[in-house]
Each structure stands twice: as C-alpha cells, then as structure tokens.
Amino acid sequence: MAVAIITGASKGLGRALAGELAGRGWDLVLDARTVEALEESAGAARARGARVVALPGDVTDAAHRRELVAAARGLGGLDLLVSNASALGAEPLVRLDALPLDGLRAALETNVVAALGLVQEALPLLRAGRAGAEAGAGAGAVIAVSSDAAAEAYETWGGYGASKAALDRLAAVLAVEEPGLRVWAVDPGDMATELYTAAVPDDDDPRPAPESVVPGFLALIERRPPSGRYAAADLADSAGSGGAETDSVASASGTGSVETVR
C-alpha cells in the first residue's frame, strides 16, 4: 500500500484528507500537537481500513520530524508528504505595523523552515517512492499547502502570506532540483477552519467545510500532473475533463518545470 505523511492532521483539511486517503487504501503517518484530537483523527482513518501511526508533536522539532519519517519507513516507505501544519504569527491577524516579530518568526519556523526540514529528512524515501514509479511517473510526491494570501495582498495577512509565499518558492525550487518527484503547492481556497476563525474571529460569513476541497487534492494525487502551483477548486472542476487549465506551459514530460494553475 502507498504511505503518506500528513502534518496538521488532527482537524480541518489535514483530518479530511487523511480520512479520504484511508478510504482509498493508503497507510498514514499523522502529526498534530493536540494528542486527543490527533487520536480521534487516527481512529477515524483506522475505521476506514488504514494502518495509521499517530505521532503528537511539533513539526519545528527536528527529533519529531525524524520520528515521522521513521514511522513511514516502518510502514514500508513514503509516497506522499503533505505539509499542512501552519501557524498564523498573530491571533487574530494584525496589520504589519503591529505584527509581533516573534510571531512572524514562529510562522516562518512552522510554515517554511519545518516544512523544508521534513522534506530534507524524507527525501531518501520519497526518491524511492513506489506509487509514482508504478504509475510510470517518477517517485514520490510533496504537497505544500499554500494560501491565496501567498499571491494576493490582503490587509492583516502580511506575515502569514509572506510565509506561504516562501513555501511556494521552496516548492518551486524543489521541483527543479528533484525532477523525479512531483512537488505541488496547493491553494485550498476558503474553508471554515479553526485556523481561519483564530485569524479573523469577527468574520461570520459562511465558508465551505474542509471536506469540500479534498476532491481537488485527490485529483492531484491520482492524476499526478506536472509539478507546480495549483488551486484546489480548479483541480476538482477539471477532474472530469482530464486536466487542469494552466496559464503557463510546462515541459513535455511535466517534470523539472513549474506550472501555475489559478
């Protein structure tokens, strides 16, 4: 069976994606900081037939990252790494003139430094990933969960957006440096999550549940398009047509180049 590591898997998008992958025969290594919520997520995935290793901890801890990769190795390898754990930098979000620099550093540590650290730890297993090789599309895959705030300027989203923009750049360069892998930065779009509530507590506009964006991620994982930046909504919309529309052209093989899909 294919194996995935998903960080930030106790709630929201991470939990929703874990459940759907479990139902499709994936084995999982799940990370989150909250023990009880992580165990609930792991239990739901096990109920769908998956082998699951749940490891509570902080992705900014190098020892914890090593544990996650070791757990994947114990399940037989690693085919997919989903960097979903995120930090805002300030709760609620504030304008740049009031953004605590320690908060910005914390967001960068979680959203950028830890994400790269986990990739570095996981690369040997990803390069040997089985799911992609069996499909004739290279080795493993990396999903960096991004944000619209990485590409657009929204008031109060400067620190978080900067961290996600940096994550996008790391993903783009990793795709060039590791042409045998698939590396996708994915903007999930608006979701009703605890993270968003913490970011903008006064916004009571209705937002879609995280489960609603999972089909886009599944389309990405199953179709394995070229490395690049994608929007989950576009991926879901294009699933029936067999491909996403792009605003730039990748190489014929689709590897070692970067597409942007909006």
C-alpha atoms as a PDB file:
ATOM      1  CA  MET A   1       0.000   0.000   0.000  1.00  0.00           C
ATOM      2  CA  ALA A   2       1.042   3.597  -0.551  1.00  0.00           C
ATOM      3  CA  VAL A   3       2.133   5.590   2.504  1.00  0.00           C
ATOM      4  CA  ALA A   4       1.576   9.272   3.273  1.00  0.00           C
ATOM      5  CA  ILE A   5       2.763  11.626   5.995  1.00  0.00           C
ATOM      6  CA  ILE A   6       0.254  14.382   6.758  1.00  0.00           C
ATOM      7  CA  THR A   7       1.149  17.146   9.195  1.00  0.00           C
ATOM      8  CA  GLY A   8      -1.529  19.130  10.969  1.00  0.00           C
ATOM      9  CA  ALA A   9      -3.810  16.100  10.670  1.00  0.00           C
ATOM     10  CA  SER A  10      -5.960  16.405  13.791  1.00  0.00           C
ATOM     11  CA  LYS A  11      -8.590  18.710  12.330  1.00  0.00           C
ATOM     12  CA  GLY A  12      -9.640  20.686   9.277  1.00  0.00           C
ATOM     13  CA  LEU A  13      -8.115  19.895   5.912  1.00  0.00           C
ATOM     14  CA  GLY A  14      -5.494  17.514   7.315  1.00  0.00           C
ATOM     15  CA  ARG A  15      -8.078  15.319   9.002  1.00  0.00           C
ATOM     16  CA  ALA A  16     -10.416  15.390   5.999  1.00  0.00           C
ATOM     17  CA  LEU A  17      -7.637  14.405   3.599  1.00  0.00           C
ATOM     18  CA  ALA A  18      -6.417  11.652   5.929  1.00  0.00           C
ATOM     19  CA  GLY A  19      -9.867  10.100   6.029  1.00  0.00           C
ATOM     20  CA  GLU A  20     -10.267  10.093   2.262  1.00  0.00           C
ATOM     21  CA  LEU A  21      -6.807   8.647   1.645  1.00  0.00           C
ATOM     22  CA  ALA A  22      -7.502   5.942   4.230  1.00  0.00           C
ATOM     23  CA  GLY A  23     -10.640   5.013   2.335  1.00  0.00           C
ATOM     24  CA  ARG A  24      -8.569   4.676  -0.837  1.00  0.00           C
ATOM     25  CA  GLY A  25      -6.127   2.190   0.630  1.00  0.00           C
ATOM     26  CA  TRP A  26      -3.353   4.480   1.870  1.00  0.00           C
ATOM     27  CA  ASP A  27      -1.459   3.898   5.098  1.00  0.00           C
ATOM     28  CA  LEU A  28      -0.808   7.036   7.095  1.00  0.00           C
ATOM     29  CA  VAL A  29       1.587   8.768   9.455  1.00  0.00           C
ATOM     30  CA  LEU A  30      -0.312  11.610  11.103  1.00  0.00           C
ATOM     31  CA  ASP A  31       1.072  14.560  13.045  1.00  0.00           C
ATOM     32  CA  ALA A  32      -0.506  17.232  15.224  1.00  0.00           C
ATOM     33  CA  ARG A  33       0.224  18.962  18.501  1.00  0.00           C
ATOM     34  CA  THR A  34      -3.039  18.066  20.272  1.00  0.00           C
ATOM     35  CA  VAL A  35      -2.978  14.446  21.431  1.00  0.00           C
ATOM     36  CA  GLU A  36      -6.709  13.850  21.880  1.00  0.00           C
ATOM     37  CA  ALA A  37      -7.742  15.403  18.569  1.00  0.00           C
ATOM     38  CA  LEU A  38      -4.979  13.532  16.755  1.00  0.00           C
ATOM     39  CA  GLU A  39      -6.128  10.214  18.204  1.00  0.00           C
ATOM     40  CA  GLU A  40      -9.687  10.939  17.078  1.00  0.00           C
ATOM     41  CA  SER A  41      -8.461  11.615  13.557  1.00  0.00           C
ATOM     42  CA  ALA A  42      -6.316   8.484  13.575  1.00  0.00           C
ATOM     43  CA  GLY A  43      -9.228   6.403  14.851  1.00  0.00           C
ATOM     44  CA  ALA A  44     -11.447   7.634  12.039  1.00  0.00           C
ATOM     45  CA  ALA A  45      -8.779   6.711   9.483  1.00  0.00           C
ATOM     46  CA  ARG A  46      -8.277   3.265  11.017  1.00  0.00           C
ATOM     47  CA  ALA A  47     -12.020   2.685  10.819  1.00  0.00           C
ATOM     48  CA  ARG A  48     -11.679   3.050   7.049  1.00  0.00           C
ATOM     49  CA  GLY A  49      -9.097   0.285   6.878  1.00  0.00           C
ATOM     50  CA  ALA A  50      -5.788   2.131   7.067  1.00  0.00           C
ATOM     51  CA  ARG A  51      -2.740   1.342   9.108  1.00  0.00           C
ATOM     52  CA  VAL A  52      -2.121   4.574  10.993  1.00  0.00           C
ATOM     53  CA  VAL A  53       0.755   5.821  13.124  1.00  0.00           C
ATOM     54  CA  ALA A  54      -0.275   8.920  15.083  1.00  0.00           C
ATOM     55  CA  LEU A  55       2.644  10.931  16.460  1.00  0.00           C
ATOM     56  CA  PRO A  56       1.792  14.008  18.518  1.00  0.00           C
ATOM     57  CA  GLY A  57       4.446  16.680  18.411  1.00  0.00           C
ATOM     58  CA  ASP A  58       5.622  19.932  16.894  1.00  0.00           C
ATOM     59  CA  VAL A  59       6.983  19.949  13.345  1.00  0.00           C
ATOM     60  CA  THR A  60       9.506  22.605  14.351  1.00  0.00           C
ATOM     61  CA  ASP A  61      11.203  19.908  16.472  1.00  0.00           C
ATOM     62  CA  ALA A  62      13.821  18.107  14.378  1.00  0.00           C
ATOM     63  CA  ALA A  63      13.562  14.972  16.516  1.00  0.00           C
ATOM     64  CA  HIS A  64       9.821  14.838  15.869  1.00  0.00           C
ATOM     65  CA  ARG A  65      10.397  15.154  12.127  1.00  0.00           C
ATOM     66  CA  ARG A  66      12.798  12.220  12.286  1.00  0.00           C
ATOM     67  CA  GLU A  67      10.137  10.198  14.119  1.00  0.00           C
ATOM     68  CA  LEU A  68       7.590  10.908  11.392  1.00  0.00           C
ATOM     69  CA  VAL A  69       9.909   9.697   8.653  1.00  0.00           C
ATOM     70  CA  ALA A  70      10.969   6.658  10.685  1.00  0.00           C
ATOM     71  CA  ALA A  71       7.302   5.751  11.120  1.00  0.00           C
ATOM     72  CA  ALA A  72       6.767   5.939   7.361  1.00  0.00           C
ATOM     73  CA  ARG A  73       9.781   3.724   6.850  1.00  0.00           C
ATOM     74  CA  GLY A  74       8.231   1.249   9.268  1.00  0.00           C
ATOM     75  CA  LEU A  75       5.074   1.164   7.163  1.00  0.00           C
ATOM     76  CA  GLY A  76       7.117   0.318   4.092  1.00  0.00           C
ATOM     77  CA  GLY A  77       8.244   3.621   2.589  1.00  0.00           C
ATOM     78  CA  LEU A  78       6.898   7.036   1.661  1.00  0.00           C
ATOM     79  CA  ASP A  79       4.919   8.025  -1.418  1.00  0.00           C
ATOM     80  CA  LEU A  80       3.383  11.341  -0.364  1.00  0.00           C
ATOM     81  CA  LEU A  81       4.349  14.094   2.066  1.00  0.00           C
ATOM     82  CA  VAL A  82       1.673  16.682   2.852  1.00  0.00           C
ATOM     83  CA  SER A  83       2.980  19.770   4.679  1.00  0.00           C
ATOM     84  CA  ASN A  84      -0.273  21.083   6.105  1.00  0.00           C
ATOM     85  CA  ALA A  85       0.701  22.264   9.603  1.00  0.00           C
ATOM     86  CA  SER A  86       0.513  26.060   9.730  1.00  0.00           C
ATOM     87  CA  ALA A  87       0.954  28.958  12.142  1.00  0.00           C
ATOM     88  CA  LEU A  88      -0.566  32.416  11.722  1.00  0.00           C
ATOM     89  CA  GLY A  89       2.022  34.553  13.502  1.00  0.00           C
ATOM     90  CA  ALA A  90      -0.669  36.502  15.355  1.00  0.00           C
ATOM     91  CA  GLU A  91      -4.157  35.590  16.569  1.00  0.00           C
ATOM     92  CA  PRO A  92      -6.150  37.448  15.460  1.00  0.00           C
ATOM     93  CA  LEU A  93      -4.191  38.718  12.492  1.00  0.00           C
ATOM     94  CA  VAL A  94      -2.943  42.296  12.687  1.00  0.00           C
ATOM     95  CA  ARG A  95      -1.549  44.904  10.323  1.00  0.00           C
ATOM     96  CA  LEU A  96       2.171  44.828   9.634  1.00  0.00           C
ATOM     97  CA  ASP A  97       2.801  47.851  11.835  1.00  0.00           C
ATOM     98  CA  ALA A  98       1.582  45.801  14.803  1.00  0.00           C
ATOM     99  CA  LEU A  99       2.825  42.341  13.817  1.00  0.00           C
ATOM    100  CA  PRO A 100       4.977  40.868  16.619  1.00  0.00           C
ATOM    101  CA  LEU A 101       8.317  39.911  15.147  1.00  0.00           C
ATOM    102  CA  ASP A 102       8.461  36.858  17.365  1.00  0.00           C
ATOM    103  CA  GLY A 103       5.119  35.827  15.896  1.00  0.00           C
ATOM    104  CA  LEU A 104       6.454  36.265  12.378  1.00  0.00           C
ATOM    105  CA  ARG A 105       9.484  34.161  13.270  1.00  0.00           C
ATOM    106  CA  ALA A 106       7.181  31.459  14.648  1.00  0.00           C
ATOM    107  CA  ALA A 107       5.120  31.443  11.450  1.00  0.00           C
ATOM    108  CA  LEU A 108       8.250  31.162   9.341  1.00  0.00           C
ATOM    109  CA  GLU A 109       9.588  28.352  11.526  1.00  0.00           C
ATOM    110  CA  THR A 110       6.399  26.305  11.167  1.00  0.00           C
ATOM    111  CA  ASN A 111       5.316  27.165   7.644  1.00  0.00           C
ATOM    112  CA  VAL A 112       8.714  27.309   5.947  1.00  0.00           C
ATOM    113  CA  VAL A 113      11.674  26.040   7.972  1.00  0.00           C
ATOM    114  CA  ALA A 114       9.937  22.979   9.404  1.00  0.00           C
ATOM    115  CA  ALA A 115       8.370  22.148   6.048  1.00  0.00           C
ATOM    116  CA  LEU A 116      11.793  22.167   4.404  1.00  0.00           C
ATOM    117  CA  GLY A 117      13.314  20.239   7.294  1.00  0.00           C
ATOM    118  CA  LEU A 118      10.732  17.488   6.888  1.00  0.00           C
ATOM    119  CA  VAL A 119      11.351  17.322   3.149  1.00  0.00           C
ATOM    120  CA  GLN A 120      15.095  17.039   3.766  1.00  0.00           C
ATOM    121  CA  GLU A 121      14.518  14.190   6.209  1.00  0.00           C
ATOM    122  CA  ALA A 122      12.071  12.438   3.886  1.00  0.00           C
ATOM    123  CA  LEU A 123      13.891  12.816   0.553  1.00  0.00           C
ATOM    124  CA  PRO A 124      15.581   9.391   0.537  1.00  0.00           C
ATOM    125  CA  LEU A 125      12.221   7.675   0.980  1.00  0.00           C
ATOM    126  CA  LEU A 126      10.436   9.985  -1.452  1.00  0.00           C
ATOM    127  CA  ARG A 127      13.016   9.346  -4.149  1.00  0.00           C
ATOM    128  CA  ALA A 128      12.329   5.636  -3.748  1.00  0.00           C
ATOM    129  CA  GLY A 129       8.536   6.056  -3.555  1.00  0.00           C
ATOM    130  CA  ARG A 130       6.590   3.221  -5.106  1.00  0.00           C
ATOM    131  CA  ALA A 131       3.215   4.688  -6.089  1.00  0.00           C
ATOM    132  CA  GLY A 132       4.607   7.101  -8.643  1.00  0.00           C
ATOM    133  CA  ALA A 133       7.108   4.629 -10.027  1.00  0.00           C
ATOM    134  CA  GLU A 134       4.370   2.044 -10.552  1.00  0.00           C
ATOM    135  CA  ALA A 135       2.368   4.646 -12.465  1.00  0.00           C
ATOM    136  CA  GLY A 136       5.369   5.452 -14.652  1.00  0.00           C
ATOM    137  CA  ALA A 137       5.513   8.983 -13.282  1.00  0.00           C
ATOM    138  CA  GLY A 138       8.637   9.060 -11.179  1.00  0.00           C
ATOM    139  CA  ALA A 139       8.962   8.602  -7.446  1.00  0.00           C
ATOM    140  CA  GLY A 140       7.117  10.221  -4.545  1.00  0.00           C
ATOM    141  CA  ALA A 141       5.210  13.472  -4.250  1.00  0.00           C
ATOM    142  CA  VAL A 142       5.152  16.513  -1.969  1.00  0.00           C
ATOM    143  CA  ILE A 143       2.136  18.732  -1.340  1.00  0.00           C
ATOM    144  CA  ALA A 144       2.840  22.112   0.254  1.00  0.00           C
ATOM    145  CA  VAL A 145      -0.473  23.542   1.442  1.00  0.00           C
ATOM    146  CA  SER A 146      -0.314  27.190   0.442  1.00  0.00           C
ATOM    147  CA  SER A 147      -2.777  30.071   0.565  1.00  0.00           C
ATOM    148  CA  ASP A 148      -4.268  32.749  -1.652  1.00  0.00           C
ATOM    149  CA  ALA A 149      -2.511  35.158   0.722  1.00  0.00           C
ATOM    150  CA  ALA A 150       0.787  33.995  -0.790  1.00  0.00           C
ATOM    151  CA  ALA A 151      -0.165  35.531  -4.133  1.00  0.00           C
ATOM    152  CA  GLU A 152      -2.538  38.378  -3.237  1.00  0.00           C
ATOM    153  CA  ALA A 153      -2.112  41.290  -0.816  1.00  0.00           C
ATOM    154  CA  TYR A 154      -4.809  41.268   1.864  1.00  0.00           C
ATOM    155  CA  GLU A 155      -4.803  43.604   4.841  1.00  0.00           C
ATOM    156  CA  THR A 156      -3.547  41.886   8.032  1.00  0.00           C
ATOM    157  CA  TRP A 157      -2.417  38.783   6.121  1.00  0.00           C
ATOM    158  CA  GLY A 158       1.124  40.062   5.506  1.00  0.00           C
ATOM    159  CA  GLY A 159       3.094  37.824   7.840  1.00  0.00           C
ATOM    160  CA  TYR A 160       1.160  34.645   7.103  1.00  0.00           C
ATOM    161  CA  GLY A 161       1.104  35.429   3.387  1.00  0.00           C
ATOM    162  CA  ALA A 162       4.851  36.036   3.350  1.00  0.00           C
ATOM    163  CA  SER A 163       5.463  32.654   4.960  1.00  0.00           C
ATOM    164  CA  LYS A 164       3.254  30.897   2.419  1.00  0.00           C
ATOM    165  CA  ALA A 165       4.917  32.767  -0.448  1.00  0.00           C
ATOM    166  CA  ALA A 166       8.255  31.485   0.841  1.00  0.00           C
ATOM    167  CA  LEU A 167       6.799  27.973   0.987  1.00  0.00           C
ATOM    168  CA  ASP A 168       5.668  28.324  -2.631  1.00  0.00           C
ATOM    169  CA  ARG A 169       9.188  29.311  -3.665  1.00  0.00           C
ATOM    170  CA  LEU A 170      10.725  26.351  -1.847  1.00  0.00           C
ATOM    171  CA  ALA A 171       8.267  24.040  -3.596  1.00  0.00           C
ATOM    172  CA  ALA A 172       9.095  25.532  -6.994  1.00  0.00           C
ATOM    173  CA  VAL A 173      12.842  25.165  -6.493  1.00  0.00           C
ATOM    174  CA  LEU A 174      12.469  21.653  -5.079  1.00  0.00           C
ATOM    175  CA  ALA A 175      10.580  20.687  -8.239  1.00  0.00           C
ATOM    176  CA  VAL A 176      13.520  21.853 -10.356  1.00  0.00           C
ATOM    177  CA  GLU A 177      16.132  20.214  -8.147  1.00  0.00           C
ATOM    178  CA  GLU A 178      14.224  16.923  -7.832  1.00  0.00           C
ATOM    179  CA  PRO A 179      12.726  16.280 -11.287  1.00  0.00           C
ATOM    180  CA  GLY A 180      11.923  12.696 -10.347  1.00  0.00           C
ATOM    181  CA  LEU A 181       9.410  13.894  -7.754  1.00  0.00           C
ATOM    182  CA  ARG A 182       6.090  15.636  -8.094  1.00  0.00           C
ATOM    183  CA  VAL A 183       6.067  18.818  -5.991  1.00  0.00           C
ATOM    184  CA  TRP A 184       2.802  20.729  -5.770  1.00  0.00           C
ATOM    185  CA  ALA A 185       1.964  23.905  -3.888  1.00  0.00           C
ATOM    186  CA  VAL A 186      -1.812  23.924  -3.456  1.00  0.00           C
ATOM    187  CA  ASP A 187      -4.080  26.816  -2.530  1.00  0.00           C
ATOM    188  CA  PRO A 188      -7.049  25.134  -0.835  1.00  0.00           C
ATOM    189  CA  GLY A 189      -9.237  28.233  -1.016  1.00  0.00           C
ATOM    190  CA  ASP A 190     -11.609  29.485   1.654  1.00  0.00           C
ATOM    191  CA  MET A 191     -12.509  26.984   4.360  1.00  0.00           C
ATOM    192  CA  ALA A 192     -14.323  27.045   7.672  1.00  0.00           C
ATOM    193  CA  THR A 193     -11.471  26.039   9.976  1.00  0.00           C
ATOM    194  CA  GLU A 194     -10.306  26.827  13.479  1.00  0.00           C
ATOM    195  CA  LEU A 195      -7.247  28.486  11.953  1.00  0.00           C
ATOM    196  CA  TYR A 196      -9.387  30.911   9.975  1.00  0.00           C
ATOM    197  CA  THR A 197     -11.559  31.642  12.994  1.00  0.00           C
ATOM    198  CA  ALA A 198      -8.439  32.414  15.016  1.00  0.00           C
ATOM    199  CA  ALA A 199      -7.179  34.645  12.201  1.00  0.00           C
ATOM    200  CA  VAL A 200     -10.385  36.635  11.684  1.00  0.00           C
ATOM    201  CA  PRO A 201     -12.728  35.965  14.616  1.00  0.00           C
ATOM    202  CA  ASP A 202     -15.195  38.699  13.627  1.00  0.00           C
ATOM    203  CA  ASP A 203     -15.818  37.261  10.157  1.00  0.00           C
ATOM    204  CA  ASP A 204     -19.031  35.257  10.368  1.00  0.00           C
ATOM    205  CA  ASP A 205     -19.570  34.850   6.618  1.00  0.00           C
ATOM    206  CA  PRO A 206     -20.338  31.231   5.690  1.00  0.00           C
ATOM    207  CA  ARG A 207     -17.383  29.274   4.338  1.00  0.00           C
ATOM    208  CA  PRO A 208     -17.177  25.758   2.907  1.00  0.00           C
ATOM    209  CA  ALA A 209     -16.142  22.847   5.077  1.00  0.00           C
ATOM    210  CA  PRO A 210     -12.619  21.459   4.577  1.00  0.00           C
ATOM    211  CA  GLU A 211     -14.147  18.280   3.175  1.00  0.00           C
ATOM    212  CA  SER A 212     -15.364  20.271   0.177  1.00  0.00           C
ATOM    213  CA  VAL A 213     -11.829  20.963  -1.087  1.00  0.00           C
ATOM    214  CA  VAL A 214     -10.496  17.427  -0.654  1.00  0.00           C
ATOM    215  CA  PRO A 215     -11.657  16.292  -4.137  1.00  0.00           C
ATOM    216  CA  GLY A 216      -9.171  18.731  -5.646  1.00  0.00           C
ATOM    217  CA  PHE A 217      -6.330  17.228  -3.636  1.00  0.00           C
ATOM    218  CA  LEU A 218      -7.422  13.712  -4.574  1.00  0.00           C
ATOM    219  CA  ALA A 219      -7.488  14.667  -8.250  1.00  0.00           C
ATOM    220  CA  LEU A 220      -3.929  15.944  -7.914  1.00  0.00           C
ATOM    221  CA  ILE A 221      -2.704  12.802  -6.167  1.00  0.00           C
ATOM    222  CA  GLU A 222      -4.440  10.427  -8.546  1.00  0.00           C
ATOM    223  CA  ARG A 223      -3.658  12.219 -11.833  1.00  0.00           C
ATOM    224  CA  ARG A 224      -0.126  13.340 -10.895  1.00  0.00           C
ATOM    225  CA  PRO A 225       0.056  16.437 -13.129  1.00  0.00           C
ATOM    226  CA  PRO A 226       3.343  18.335 -13.530  1.00  0.00           C
ATOM    227  CA  SER A 227       4.937  19.973 -10.525  1.00  0.00           C
ATOM    228  CA  GLY A 228       3.589  23.467  -9.946  1.00  0.00           C
ATOM    229  CA  ARG A 229       1.171  25.665  -8.034  1.00  0.00           C
ATOM    230  CA  TYR A 230      -2.478  24.681  -8.187  1.00  0.00           C
ATOM    231  CA  ALA A 231      -5.821  25.811  -6.804  1.00  0.00           C
ATOM    232  CA  ALA A 232      -7.860  23.001  -5.278  1.00  0.00           C
ATOM    233  CA  ALA A 233     -11.093  24.328  -6.774  1.00  0.00           C
ATOM    234  CA  ASP A 234      -9.652  24.261 -10.300  1.00  0.00           C
ATOM    235  CA  LEU A 235      -8.378  20.724  -9.809  1.00  0.00           C
ATOM    236  CA  ALA A 236     -11.784  19.500  -8.681  1.00  0.00           C
ATOM    237  CA  ASP A 237     -13.543  21.305 -11.542  1.00  0.00           C
ATOM    238  CA  SER A 238     -11.174  19.828 -14.121  1.00  0.00           C
ATOM    239  CA  ALA A 239     -11.257  16.260 -12.804  1.00  0.00           C
ATOM    240  CA  GLY A 240     -13.947  15.263 -15.258  1.00  0.00           C
ATOM    241  CA  SER A 241     -12.187  16.858 -18.222  1.00  0.00           C
ATOM    242  CA  GLY A 242      -8.901  15.065 -17.583  1.00  0.00           C
ATOM    243  CA  GLY A 243      -6.667  18.062 -16.899  1.00  0.00           C
ATOM    244  CA  ALA A 244      -6.361  21.476 -15.329  1.00  0.00           C
ATOM    245  CA  GLU A 245      -6.061  24.631 -17.380  1.00  0.00           C
ATOM    246  CA  THR A 246      -2.728  26.348 -16.915  1.00  0.00           C
ATOM    247  CA  ASP A 247      -1.517  29.861 -17.535  1.00  0.00           C
ATOM    248  CA  SER A 248       1.994  28.742 -18.390  1.00  0.00           C
ATOM    249  CA  VAL A 249       3.354  25.798 -20.277  1.00  0.00           C
ATOM    250  CA  ALA A 250       5.432  23.055 -18.691  1.00  0.00           C
ATOM    251  CA  SER A 251       7.901  20.837 -20.465  1.00  0.00           C
ATOM    252  CA  ALA A 252       6.585  17.871 -22.398  1.00  0.00           C
ATOM    253  CA  SER A 253       7.443  15.465 -19.592  1.00  0.00           C
ATOM    254  CA  GLY A 254       5.956  17.734 -16.950  1.00  0.00           C
ATOM    255  CA  THR A 255       8.898  17.300 -14.609  1.00  0.00           C
ATOM    256  CA  GLY A 256      11.568  19.772 -13.650  1.00  0.00           C
ATOM    257  CA  SER A 257       9.401  22.761 -14.529  1.00  0.00           C
ATOM    258  CA  VAL A 258       6.808  24.823 -12.756  1.00  0.00           C
ATOM    259  CA  GLU A 259       3.239  25.480 -13.792  1.00  0.00           C
ATOM    260  CA  THR A 260       0.903  27.958 -12.174  1.00  0.00           C
ATOM    261  CA  VAL A 261      -2.733  26.936 -12.093  1.00  0.00           C
ATOM    262  CA  ARG A 262      -5.195  29.514 -10.796  1.00  0.00           C
END
